[in-house]
Amino acid sequence: MDFLDRILSWGTRAPDRVAHVSATRRMSYGELVGRAATLARELATTLPNDRAPVALVGHREPQLLVGMLGCALANHPYVPIDDALPAPRVARIQEIARVATTLTPDDIDRLAPVGSALPAPLARAGDDRFYIMFTSGSTGEPKGVQVTRGNLAAFIDWMLGEQAFTPGGEVFLNQANFSFDLSVMDTYLSLVTGGTLVSATRDHVADLRALFTLLRETPFTTWVSTPTFAGMCLAEPAFSASMLPRLRRFLFCGEVLPREVARALLARFPSAAVWNTYGPTEATVATSSVRLDHAMVEANDALPVGRAMPGTWVEVVDADGRVVPEGGRGEIVIAGPNVSPGYLGRDDLTQARFTRRHGHRAYRTGDWGRYRGDQLFCEGRMDQQVKLRGYRIELGEIEAHLRDVSGVRDAAVVLVVRDGTPHSLVALLLAEDARGDHEALAREAKAALAAQLPAYMVPRRLRVVDRFPMTANGKVDRAALAAEAGAR
């Protein structure tokens, strides 16, 4: 059965089951599917039959789920846009996507206030665009990653085969905005399995007390978030199995999972599986995974990101596209049915980053990686290399060494630029002991680096901070970190 049909079937199999919970309301599967059917009819009536994109502007409201399914039923790809974005950027995304219309939660309430029977199914093809996710471009221009129905189906089928989800029995945490592709993991896995998706709001993210109240009051079984978000929660000793007694698994994606975070989760949640996954938006959320255990965490300074999903190839290649021997370092390239057709309206970028391998679409990730045995290790962005006083420096390498220092929970290294000129490196640290001697920890960390790295790679200043600033997507906000480091 097609994944969309699986979702729709819950509207009749369990219409009263709760599909989504937000700060303001609950929505059942019957209401979700019925209102999506009504919206699909409205779109079919008012929009030309050209499958033009539809922008969905909001935060994590249940109406946006109605919008997603309504667009799918009407065969229009949706473009999720977070309403916290500056108005000029929203307008630019709408312009690039050439959206046929823009819908907010209020618009969806107006167009589809009540449910109706499902419309006659339209012909569906694997290469139909299902959604277009915009990411930041290196030039500041947003890039629209086109994800097809077939791309999403490949991801969902893999995850359903790997994770033993209980149909109708899962409660998923939704931490990421719907405009960030990590949310695709929790949203669609929840809907396909008849689970309940519970969205954390901006207030929850900003206030740990409010977040922990939500966690205590909700019987979560599946945690989906960035590692940074989990690391923030781990700063409080109360974040443990006693707070989340029904939790079965952590699913991480979107950025590096620090060893200390994984170690703490395994200790505090002994009955929950900790999964590390890897993949860019261009390869539909994630393409590789590994279930971590204590032995794996203790044996590796940097954690593996696992093995490729069945039917795909995740290879490490040299500058000429040749696979490097095991242990060799190169660029990670992903090929398979989950790889996007490319960037919307940017043939130049598509040709530069996408190619073909093994008879499939392939994407050059721009990530350094290497294999050790059958496990892939991601070693940071190729463009995270900076140049200071003539030396080329990998910031990720410094961060990896800092995370290995006793007492350091996480680390971020930034290059401070003054008057347009690279000035110095600054390291910001998160301490395992929030009440410990932070000045001593910074000195110990600097001494540890000096014993392992050349002098030009040792940051001039190291400072312990309470928390890292996060982007709206829950990742470490490196621009804000650099601004903070440069201001002192």
Protein backbone atom coordinates (compact mmCIF):
# COMPACT_ATOMS: atom_id res chain seq x y z
CA MET A 1 0.00 0.00 0.00
CA ASP A 2 1.27 3.48 -0.90
CA PHE A 3 2.35 5.48 2.16
CA LEU A 4 -0.29 8.13 1.48
CA ASP A 5 -2.99 5.45 1.38
CA ARG A 6 -1.70 4.10 4.69
CA ILE A 7 -2.10 7.52 6.26
CA LEU A 8 -5.57 8.01 4.81
CA SER A 9 -6.68 4.58 5.99
CA TRP A 10 -6.38 5.64 9.63
CA GLY A 11 -9.19 8.12 8.99
CA THR A 12 -11.59 5.19 8.68
CA ARG A 13 -9.81 2.51 10.75
CA ALA A 14 -9.41 4.72 13.83
CA PRO A 15 -11.11 8.07 13.20
CA ASP A 16 -11.12 9.06 16.88
CA ARG A 17 -7.45 8.32 17.46
CA VAL A 18 -5.41 11.47 18.11
CA ALA A 19 -3.16 12.28 15.15
CA HIS A 20 -1.60 15.53 16.38
CA VAL A 21 -1.28 17.48 19.61
CA SER A 22 -0.13 21.08 19.77
CA ALA A 23 -0.21 23.75 22.44
CA THR A 24 -3.72 24.81 21.53
CA ARG A 25 -5.57 21.72 20.32
CA ARG A 26 -5.79 18.05 19.40
CA MET A 27 -6.73 16.72 15.98
CA SER A 28 -8.04 13.22 15.34
CA TYR A 29 -7.32 11.11 12.28
CA GLY A 30 -10.92 11.45 11.20
CA GLU A 31 -10.71 15.23 11.28
CA LEU A 32 -7.26 15.32 9.67
CA VAL A 33 -8.16 13.08 6.74
CA GLY A 34 -11.61 14.57 6.24
CA ARG A 35 -10.40 18.16 6.24
CA ALA A 36 -7.50 17.23 3.93
CA ALA A 37 -10.09 15.85 1.49
CA THR A 38 -12.05 19.11 1.66
CA LEU A 39 -8.90 21.16 1.08
CA ALA A 40 -7.92 18.96 -1.87
CA ARG A 41 -11.26 19.71 -3.52
CA GLU A 42 -10.77 23.44 -2.92
CA LEU A 43 -7.31 23.34 -4.47
CA ALA A 44 -8.56 21.34 -7.45
CA THR A 45 -11.32 23.90 -7.99
CA THR A 46 -9.28 27.08 -7.58
CA LEU A 47 -5.84 26.17 -8.93
CA PRO A 48 -4.82 25.29 -12.47
CA ASN A 49 -4.04 21.66 -13.09
CA ASP A 50 -0.32 22.29 -13.45
CA ARG A 51 0.91 20.80 -10.16
CA ALA A 52 2.34 24.17 -9.13
CA PRO A 53 3.71 24.35 -5.56
CA VAL A 54 1.60 25.54 -2.64
CA ALA A 55 3.30 27.42 0.20
CA LEU A 56 2.31 26.46 3.75
CA VAL A 57 3.33 29.23 6.15
CA GLY A 58 3.10 28.57 9.87
CA HIS A 59 4.89 26.91 12.76
CA ARG A 60 3.77 23.50 14.03
CA GLU A 61 0.01 23.93 13.88
CA PRO A 62 -2.20 20.92 13.09
CA GLN A 63 -3.69 22.81 10.15
CA LEU A 64 -0.33 22.45 8.40
CA LEU A 65 -0.76 18.67 8.44
CA VAL A 66 -4.14 19.20 6.78
CA GLY A 67 -2.31 21.33 4.23
CA MET A 68 0.34 18.70 3.55
CA LEU A 69 -2.16 15.90 2.99
CA GLY A 70 -4.53 18.17 1.07
CA CYS A 71 -1.73 19.14 -1.31
CA ALA A 72 -0.77 15.48 -1.73
CA LEU A 73 -4.35 14.51 -2.58
CA ALA A 74 -4.57 17.37 -5.10
CA ASN A 75 -1.14 16.47 -6.55
CA HIS A 76 0.47 19.81 -5.69
CA PRO A 77 3.86 19.80 -3.94
CA TYR A 78 3.89 21.79 -0.75
CA VAL A 79 6.56 24.27 0.36
CA PRO A 80 6.75 24.50 4.18
CA ILE A 81 7.85 27.94 5.40
CA ASP A 82 8.28 28.82 9.07
CA ASP A 83 6.46 31.99 10.03
CA ALA A 84 9.42 33.14 12.14
CA LEU A 85 11.45 33.82 8.99
CA PRO A 86 11.92 37.48 8.01
CA ALA A 87 9.28 38.65 5.54
CA PRO A 88 11.82 39.31 2.73
CA ARG A 89 13.08 35.72 2.96
CA VAL A 90 9.55 34.33 2.92
CA ALA A 91 8.83 36.43 -0.16
CA ARG A 92 12.02 35.24 -1.85
CA ILE A 93 11.14 31.58 -1.23
CA GLN A 94 7.67 32.15 -2.65
CA GLU A 95 9.22 33.83 -5.68
CA ILE A 96 11.77 31.08 -6.32
CA ALA A 97 9.15 28.35 -5.89
CA ARG A 98 6.62 30.19 -8.08
CA VAL A 99 3.89 29.12 -5.71
CA ALA A 100 0.33 28.99 -7.00
CA THR A 101 -1.00 30.12 -3.62
CA THR A 102 0.04 30.56 -0.01
CA LEU A 103 -1.91 29.05 2.87
CA THR A 104 -1.66 29.89 6.57
CA PRO A 105 -3.41 27.97 9.36
CA ASP A 106 -6.22 30.53 9.27
CA ASP A 107 -6.57 30.07 5.51
CA ILE A 108 -6.85 26.31 5.94
CA ASP A 109 -9.49 26.76 8.64
CA ARG A 110 -11.45 28.95 6.24
CA LEU A 111 -11.10 26.69 3.19
CA ALA A 112 -11.53 23.37 4.99
CA PRO A 113 -13.46 23.95 8.22
CA VAL A 114 -15.04 20.50 8.16
CA GLY A 115 -14.27 17.13 6.67
CA SER A 116 -15.68 15.39 3.63
CA ALA A 117 -15.28 12.11 1.79
CA LEU A 118 -12.03 11.49 -0.01
CA PRO A 119 -12.00 12.70 -3.62
CA ALA A 120 -11.45 10.32 -6.48
CA PRO A 121 -7.76 9.40 -6.39
CA LEU A 122 -5.54 11.10 -8.92
CA ALA A 123 -2.91 9.22 -10.84
CA ARG A 124 0.28 9.09 -8.79
CA ALA A 125 3.81 8.59 -10.02
CA GLY A 126 7.04 8.09 -8.13
CA ASP A 127 8.63 11.10 -9.80
CA ASP A 128 5.83 13.49 -8.78
CA ARG A 129 7.20 16.24 -6.57
CA PHE A 130 5.82 15.74 -3.05
CA TYR A 131 7.40 18.65 -1.21
CA ILE A 132 10.07 21.31 -1.76
CA MET A 133 12.26 22.03 1.25
CA PHE A 134 14.29 25.23 1.23
CA THR A 135 17.76 25.26 2.78
CA SER A 136 20.35 27.99 3.13
CA GLY A 137 22.72 28.48 0.22
CA SER A 138 26.37 29.44 0.57
CA THR A 139 25.63 32.74 -1.16
CA GLY A 140 22.69 33.50 1.13
CA GLU A 141 20.16 32.61 -1.58
CA PRO A 142 17.74 29.88 -0.41
CA LYS A 143 17.84 26.61 -2.36
CA GLY A 144 14.71 24.57 -2.97
CA VAL A 145 15.35 20.83 -2.66
CA GLN A 146 12.72 18.91 -4.62
CA VAL A 147 11.66 15.64 -2.98
CA THR A 148 9.49 13.23 -4.94
CA ARG A 149 6.84 10.79 -3.83
CA GLY A 150 9.28 7.98 -4.66
CA ASN A 151 12.07 9.59 -2.61
CA LEU A 152 9.83 9.81 0.44
CA ALA A 153 8.45 6.30 -0.06
CA ALA A 154 11.99 4.88 -0.08
CA PHE A 155 12.80 6.62 3.20
CA ILE A 156 9.56 5.57 4.90
CA ASP A 157 9.82 1.94 3.77
CA TRP A 158 13.37 1.74 5.11
CA MET A 159 12.49 3.17 8.50
CA LEU A 160 9.41 0.96 8.87
CA GLY A 161 11.55 -2.08 8.14
CA GLU A 162 14.28 -1.07 10.56
CA GLN A 163 12.27 0.25 13.49
CA ALA A 164 9.73 -2.00 15.19
CA PHE A 165 7.01 0.62 15.43
CA THR A 166 3.76 -0.47 17.06
CA PRO A 167 0.80 0.39 14.77
CA GLY A 168 -1.47 2.76 16.63
CA GLY A 169 0.78 2.67 19.69
CA GLU A 170 3.51 5.24 19.10
CA VAL A 171 3.78 8.79 20.44
CA PHE A 172 6.37 10.84 18.55
CA LEU A 173 8.11 14.01 19.70
CA ASN A 174 8.13 16.69 16.99
CA GLN A 175 10.93 19.11 17.87
CA ALA A 176 11.81 20.42 14.42
CA ASN A 177 9.86 22.99 12.45
CA PHE A 178 7.92 21.57 9.52
CA SER A 179 10.25 23.61 7.28
CA PHE A 180 13.23 21.50 8.44
CA ASP A 181 13.47 18.05 6.91
CA LEU A 182 14.13 16.36 10.25
CA SER A 183 10.40 16.90 10.86
CA VAL A 184 9.67 14.60 7.91
CA MET A 185 11.03 11.75 10.03
CA ASP A 186 8.67 12.20 12.95
CA THR A 187 5.67 13.49 10.97
CA TYR A 188 5.38 10.80 8.33
CA LEU A 189 6.51 7.88 10.48
CA SER A 190 3.87 8.88 13.01
CA LEU A 191 1.09 9.31 10.45
CA VAL A 192 1.90 6.13 8.53
CA THR A 193 1.85 4.02 11.70
CA GLY A 194 -1.28 5.65 13.13
CA GLY A 195 0.73 7.24 15.91
CA THR A 196 0.28 10.51 17.76
CA LEU A 197 2.56 13.41 16.86
CA VAL A 198 3.14 15.86 19.71
CA SER A 199 4.73 19.16 18.73
CA ALA A 200 6.97 21.10 21.08
CA THR A 201 6.31 24.82 20.65
CA ARG A 202 8.73 27.73 20.68
CA ASP A 203 7.81 28.26 24.33
CA HIS A 204 8.85 24.71 25.14
CA VAL A 205 12.19 25.15 23.42
CA ALA A 206 12.86 28.46 25.19
CA ASP A 207 11.83 27.28 28.67
CA LEU A 208 13.13 23.96 29.99
CA ARG A 209 10.53 23.95 32.77
CA ALA A 210 7.73 24.11 30.23
CA LEU A 211 9.43 21.47 28.08
CA PHE A 212 9.90 19.10 31.00
CA THR A 213 6.25 19.53 31.97
CA LEU A 214 5.31 18.44 28.45
CA LEU A 215 7.68 15.47 28.64
CA ARG A 216 6.33 14.33 32.01
CA GLU A 217 2.70 14.63 30.94
CA THR A 218 3.07 12.91 27.54
CA PRO A 219 3.71 9.15 27.13
CA PHE A 220 6.36 9.58 24.44
CA THR A 221 7.68 6.39 22.85
CA THR A 222 9.83 7.88 20.06
CA TRP A 223 12.13 10.88 20.44
CA VAL A 224 13.16 12.61 17.20
CA SER A 225 15.41 15.66 17.49
CA THR A 226 18.76 17.18 16.74
CA PRO A 227 21.57 16.17 19.13
CA THR A 228 21.82 19.78 20.29
CA PHE A 229 18.25 19.68 21.59
CA ALA A 230 18.87 16.47 23.54
CA GLY A 231 22.13 17.89 24.87
CA MET A 232 20.24 20.90 26.18
CA CYS A 233 17.86 18.58 28.03
CA LEU A 234 20.72 16.53 29.48
CA ALA A 235 22.00 19.62 31.29
CA GLU A 236 19.27 18.85 33.84
CA PRO A 237 19.72 15.63 35.87
CA ALA A 238 15.94 15.17 35.90
CA PHE A 239 16.02 14.30 32.20
CA SER A 240 16.01 10.53 32.55
CA ALA A 241 13.89 7.40 32.24
CA SER A 242 11.86 8.45 35.27
CA MET A 243 10.64 11.44 33.25
CA LEU A 244 9.98 9.36 30.09
CA PRO A 245 9.22 5.82 31.31
CA ARG A 246 7.65 4.65 28.02
CA LEU A 247 10.42 5.89 25.73
CA ARG A 248 11.63 3.14 23.38
CA ARG A 249 14.01 4.93 21.04
CA PHE A 250 15.94 8.10 20.27
CA LEU A 251 16.35 8.96 16.58
CA PHE A 252 18.95 11.62 15.86
CA CYS A 253 19.77 13.38 12.61
CA GLY A 254 20.74 16.80 11.31
CA GLU A 255 24.16 17.26 12.91
CA VAL A 256 26.98 15.43 14.70
CA LEU A 257 25.94 13.38 17.72
CA PRO A 258 28.62 14.04 20.38
CA ARG A 259 29.91 11.00 22.21
CA GLU A 260 29.11 12.52 25.61
CA VAL A 261 25.47 13.00 24.64
CA ALA A 262 25.16 9.38 23.50
CA ARG A 263 26.96 8.13 26.61
CA ALA A 264 24.65 10.08 28.91
CA LEU A 265 21.52 8.90 27.09
CA LEU A 266 22.56 5.25 27.31
CA ALA A 267 23.16 5.67 31.04
CA ARG A 268 19.98 7.59 31.84
CA PHE A 269 17.66 5.67 29.50
CA PRO A 270 18.84 2.06 29.74
CA SER A 271 15.68 0.68 28.11
CA ALA A 272 15.68 3.05 25.11
CA ALA A 273 17.60 2.45 21.88
CA VAL A 274 19.85 5.30 20.74
CA TRP A 275 20.03 5.57 16.94
CA ASN A 276 22.42 7.82 15.06
CA THR A 277 21.34 8.54 11.48
CA TYR A 278 22.94 10.52 8.68
CA GLY A 279 21.80 12.16 5.49
CA PRO A 280 21.28 15.54 3.86
CA THR A 281 17.98 17.08 2.77
CA GLU A 282 18.98 16.18 -0.80
CA ALA A 283 18.77 12.48 0.11
CA THR A 284 15.44 12.68 1.98
CA VAL A 285 16.22 13.07 5.66
CA ALA A 286 18.58 10.15 6.28
CA THR A 287 20.35 7.39 4.38
CA SER A 288 22.40 5.53 7.00
CA SER A 289 21.86 4.49 10.59
CA VAL A 290 23.37 2.65 13.52
CA ARG A 291 22.07 1.63 16.92
CA LEU A 292 24.69 2.72 19.41
CA ASP A 293 25.73 0.73 22.45
CA HIS A 294 28.15 1.31 25.31
CA ALA A 295 31.01 -0.56 23.63
CA MET A 296 30.68 1.43 20.43
CA VAL A 297 30.56 4.74 22.29
CA GLU A 298 33.64 3.93 24.38
CA ALA A 299 35.61 2.61 21.41
CA ASN A 300 35.24 5.73 19.24
CA ASP A 301 36.12 9.36 19.86
CA ALA A 302 33.70 10.29 17.07
CA LEU A 303 30.60 8.16 16.64
CA PRO A 304 29.75 6.24 13.46
CA VAL A 305 26.68 7.06 11.41
CA GLY A 306 26.14 3.47 10.39
CA ARG A 307 25.38 1.53 7.24
CA ALA A 308 23.45 2.56 4.15
CA MET A 309 19.76 1.81 3.87
CA PRO A 310 19.02 -1.18 1.59
CA GLY A 311 19.01 -0.35 -2.10
CA THR A 312 21.30 2.67 -1.75
CA TRP A 313 25.02 3.29 -1.97
CA VAL A 314 26.87 5.54 0.46
CA GLU A 315 30.44 5.75 -0.78
CA VAL A 316 33.57 7.68 0.11
CA VAL A 317 35.31 8.92 -3.03
CA ASP A 318 38.37 10.91 -4.03
CA ALA A 319 38.43 14.07 -6.14
CA ASP A 320 38.05 11.96 -9.31
CA GLY A 321 35.01 10.08 -8.01
CA ARG A 322 36.87 6.85 -7.30
CA VAL A 323 36.02 4.91 -4.14
CA VAL A 324 38.86 5.20 -1.64
CA PRO A 325 40.13 2.15 0.28
CA GLU A 326 38.71 1.41 3.71
CA GLY A 327 40.10 3.89 6.21
CA GLY A 328 40.79 6.47 3.53
CA ARG A 329 39.22 9.90 3.73
CA GLY A 330 37.12 11.41 0.97
CA GLU A 331 33.79 12.96 0.07
CA ILE A 332 30.60 11.09 0.96
CA VAL A 333 28.44 10.43 -2.12
CA ILE A 334 24.93 8.98 -1.86
CA ALA A 335 23.17 7.14 -4.70
CA GLY A 336 19.76 5.53 -4.70
CA PRO A 337 15.99 5.98 -4.96
CA ASN A 338 15.95 8.47 -2.08
CA VAL A 339 18.13 11.06 -3.86
CA SER A 340 16.37 14.26 -4.96
CA PRO A 341 16.07 15.22 -8.63
CA GLY A 342 17.80 18.48 -7.74
CA TYR A 343 17.32 22.12 -6.87
CA LEU A 344 14.27 23.99 -8.08
CA GLY A 345 15.20 26.40 -10.86
CA ARG A 346 18.94 26.00 -10.26
CA ASP A 347 20.27 23.80 -13.03
CA ASP A 348 23.77 25.11 -12.36
CA LEU A 349 23.78 23.91 -8.75
CA THR A 350 22.04 20.68 -9.69
CA GLN A 351 24.69 19.85 -12.30
CA ALA A 352 27.46 20.72 -9.84
CA ARG A 353 26.21 18.53 -6.98
CA PHE A 354 24.20 15.73 -8.61
CA THR A 355 25.40 12.95 -10.88
CA ARG A 356 24.66 9.27 -11.55
CA ARG A 357 26.19 6.20 -9.93
CA HIS A 358 25.05 2.57 -10.00
CA GLY A 359 22.22 3.49 -12.36
CA HIS A 360 20.69 5.89 -9.84
CA ARG A 361 20.64 9.56 -9.07
CA ALA A 362 23.61 10.46 -6.86
CA TYR A 363 24.43 13.43 -4.64
CA ARG A 364 27.84 14.76 -3.66
CA THR A 365 27.27 15.74 -0.04
CA GLY A 366 30.26 17.99 0.56
CA ASP A 367 30.92 16.02 3.77
CA TRP A 368 34.21 14.39 4.64
CA GLY A 369 33.90 10.73 5.56
CA ARG A 370 35.66 7.41 5.87
CA TYR A 371 34.74 3.78 6.47
CA ARG A 372 36.10 1.73 9.33
CA GLY A 373 34.94 -1.78 8.69
CA ASP A 374 31.31 -1.55 7.62
CA GLN A 375 30.64 1.64 9.59
CA LEU A 376 30.61 5.09 8.00
CA PHE A 377 32.09 7.99 9.93
CA CYS A 378 31.20 11.53 8.93
CA GLU A 379 34.05 13.93 9.64
CA GLY A 380 32.47 17.31 9.05
CA ARG A 381 31.87 19.67 6.20
CA MET A 382 34.50 20.07 3.53
CA ASP A 383 33.67 23.77 3.60
CA GLN A 384 34.23 23.98 7.38
CA GLN A 385 37.88 24.38 6.58
CA VAL A 386 39.21 27.83 7.43
CA LYS A 387 42.49 29.55 6.73
CA LEU A 388 44.31 31.45 9.48
CA ARG A 389 47.75 32.98 9.08
CA GLY A 390 48.35 30.80 6.04
CA TYR A 391 47.37 27.53 7.71
CA ARG A 392 44.39 25.48 6.60
CA ILE A 393 42.47 24.33 9.67
CA GLU A 394 39.59 21.88 10.07
CA LEU A 395 37.38 23.25 12.84
CA GLY A 396 35.71 19.88 13.24
CA GLU A 397 39.02 18.25 14.11
CA ILE A 398 39.57 20.69 16.98
CA GLU A 399 36.02 20.15 18.21
CA ALA A 400 36.48 16.38 18.17
CA HIS A 401 39.56 16.67 20.39
CA LEU A 402 37.75 19.01 22.78
CA ARG A 403 34.82 16.62 23.15
CA ASP A 404 37.30 13.98 24.28
CA VAL A 405 38.46 16.12 27.21
CA SER A 406 37.11 14.92 30.55
CA GLY A 407 34.41 17.28 31.77
CA VAL A 408 33.54 18.67 28.31
CA ARG A 409 30.04 17.74 27.15
CA ASP A 410 30.20 19.52 23.79
CA ALA A 411 32.33 22.07 21.97
CA ALA A 412 32.14 24.51 19.09
CA VAL A 413 35.08 26.30 17.52
CA VAL A 414 34.60 29.45 15.47
CA LEU A 415 36.84 31.75 13.50
CA VAL A 416 36.62 35.36 14.63
CA VAL A 417 36.87 37.81 11.74
CA ARG A 418 37.59 41.49 12.36
CA ASP A 419 37.48 44.14 9.67
CA GLY A 420 37.13 41.39 7.09
CA THR A 421 40.34 39.66 8.18
CA PRO A 422 40.58 36.30 10.01
CA HIS A 423 41.75 37.16 13.52
CA SER A 424 41.74 34.13 15.82
CA LEU A 425 40.07 30.89 16.85
CA VAL A 426 37.73 30.79 19.84
CA ALA A 427 36.37 27.63 21.45
CA LEU A 428 33.09 27.62 23.35
CA LEU A 429 32.49 24.68 25.67
CA LEU A 430 29.55 23.07 27.43
CA ALA A 431 30.55 21.56 30.76
CA GLU A 432 29.27 18.26 32.11
CA ASP A 433 29.13 19.86 35.56
CA ALA A 434 27.20 23.11 35.32
CA ARG A 435 28.43 24.13 38.78
CA GLY A 436 32.07 23.13 38.40
CA ASP A 437 35.20 25.24 38.05
CA HIS A 438 34.77 26.44 34.49
CA GLU A 439 37.99 28.42 34.33
CA ALA A 440 39.94 25.32 35.33
CA LEU A 441 38.10 23.25 32.73
CA ALA A 442 38.99 25.77 30.01
CA ARG A 443 42.66 25.64 31.05
CA GLU A 444 42.67 21.84 31.06
CA ALA A 445 41.03 21.73 27.63
CA LYS A 446 43.57 24.15 26.19
CA ALA A 447 46.43 22.12 27.65
CA ALA A 448 44.97 18.94 26.16
CA LEU A 449 44.80 20.55 22.72
CA ALA A 450 48.35 21.85 23.01
CA ALA A 451 49.52 18.31 23.72
CA GLN A 452 47.85 16.90 20.61
CA LEU A 453 47.64 19.62 17.96
CA PRO A 454 50.02 22.11 16.36
CA ALA A 455 50.04 25.53 17.98
CA TYR A 456 48.18 27.19 15.11
CA MET A 457 45.19 24.89 15.75
CA VAL A 458 44.89 25.73 19.45
CA PRO A 459 42.22 28.41 19.97
CA ARG A 460 43.42 31.64 21.50
CA ARG A 461 40.51 31.65 23.93
CA LEU A 462 38.41 28.87 25.42
CA ARG A 463 35.29 29.71 27.38
CA VAL A 464 32.55 27.68 29.05
CA VAL A 465 29.01 28.82 28.22
CA ASP A 466 25.62 27.76 29.60
CA ARG A 467 24.23 26.69 26.25
CA PHE A 468 24.80 27.08 22.53
CA PRO A 469 22.40 29.29 20.59
CA MET A 470 20.20 27.23 18.31
CA THR A 471 18.76 27.96 14.90
CA ALA A 472 15.04 27.61 14.32
CA ASN A 473 15.82 24.07 13.13
CA GLY A 474 17.43 23.06 16.42
CA LYS A 475 21.00 23.03 15.16
CA VAL A 476 23.91 24.95 16.66
CA ASP A 477 23.74 28.52 15.36
CA ARG A 478 27.35 29.02 14.32
CA ALA A 479 26.77 32.54 13.05
CA ALA A 480 25.48 33.56 16.48
CA LEU A 481 28.39 31.77 18.14
CA ALA A 482 30.89 33.62 15.96
CA ALA A 483 29.20 36.93 16.74
CA GLU A 484 29.26 36.16 20.46
CA ALA A 485 32.90 35.08 20.37
CA GLY A 486 33.95 38.13 18.38
CA ALA A 487 32.18 40.55 20.71
CA ARG A 488 34.37 39.62 23.67
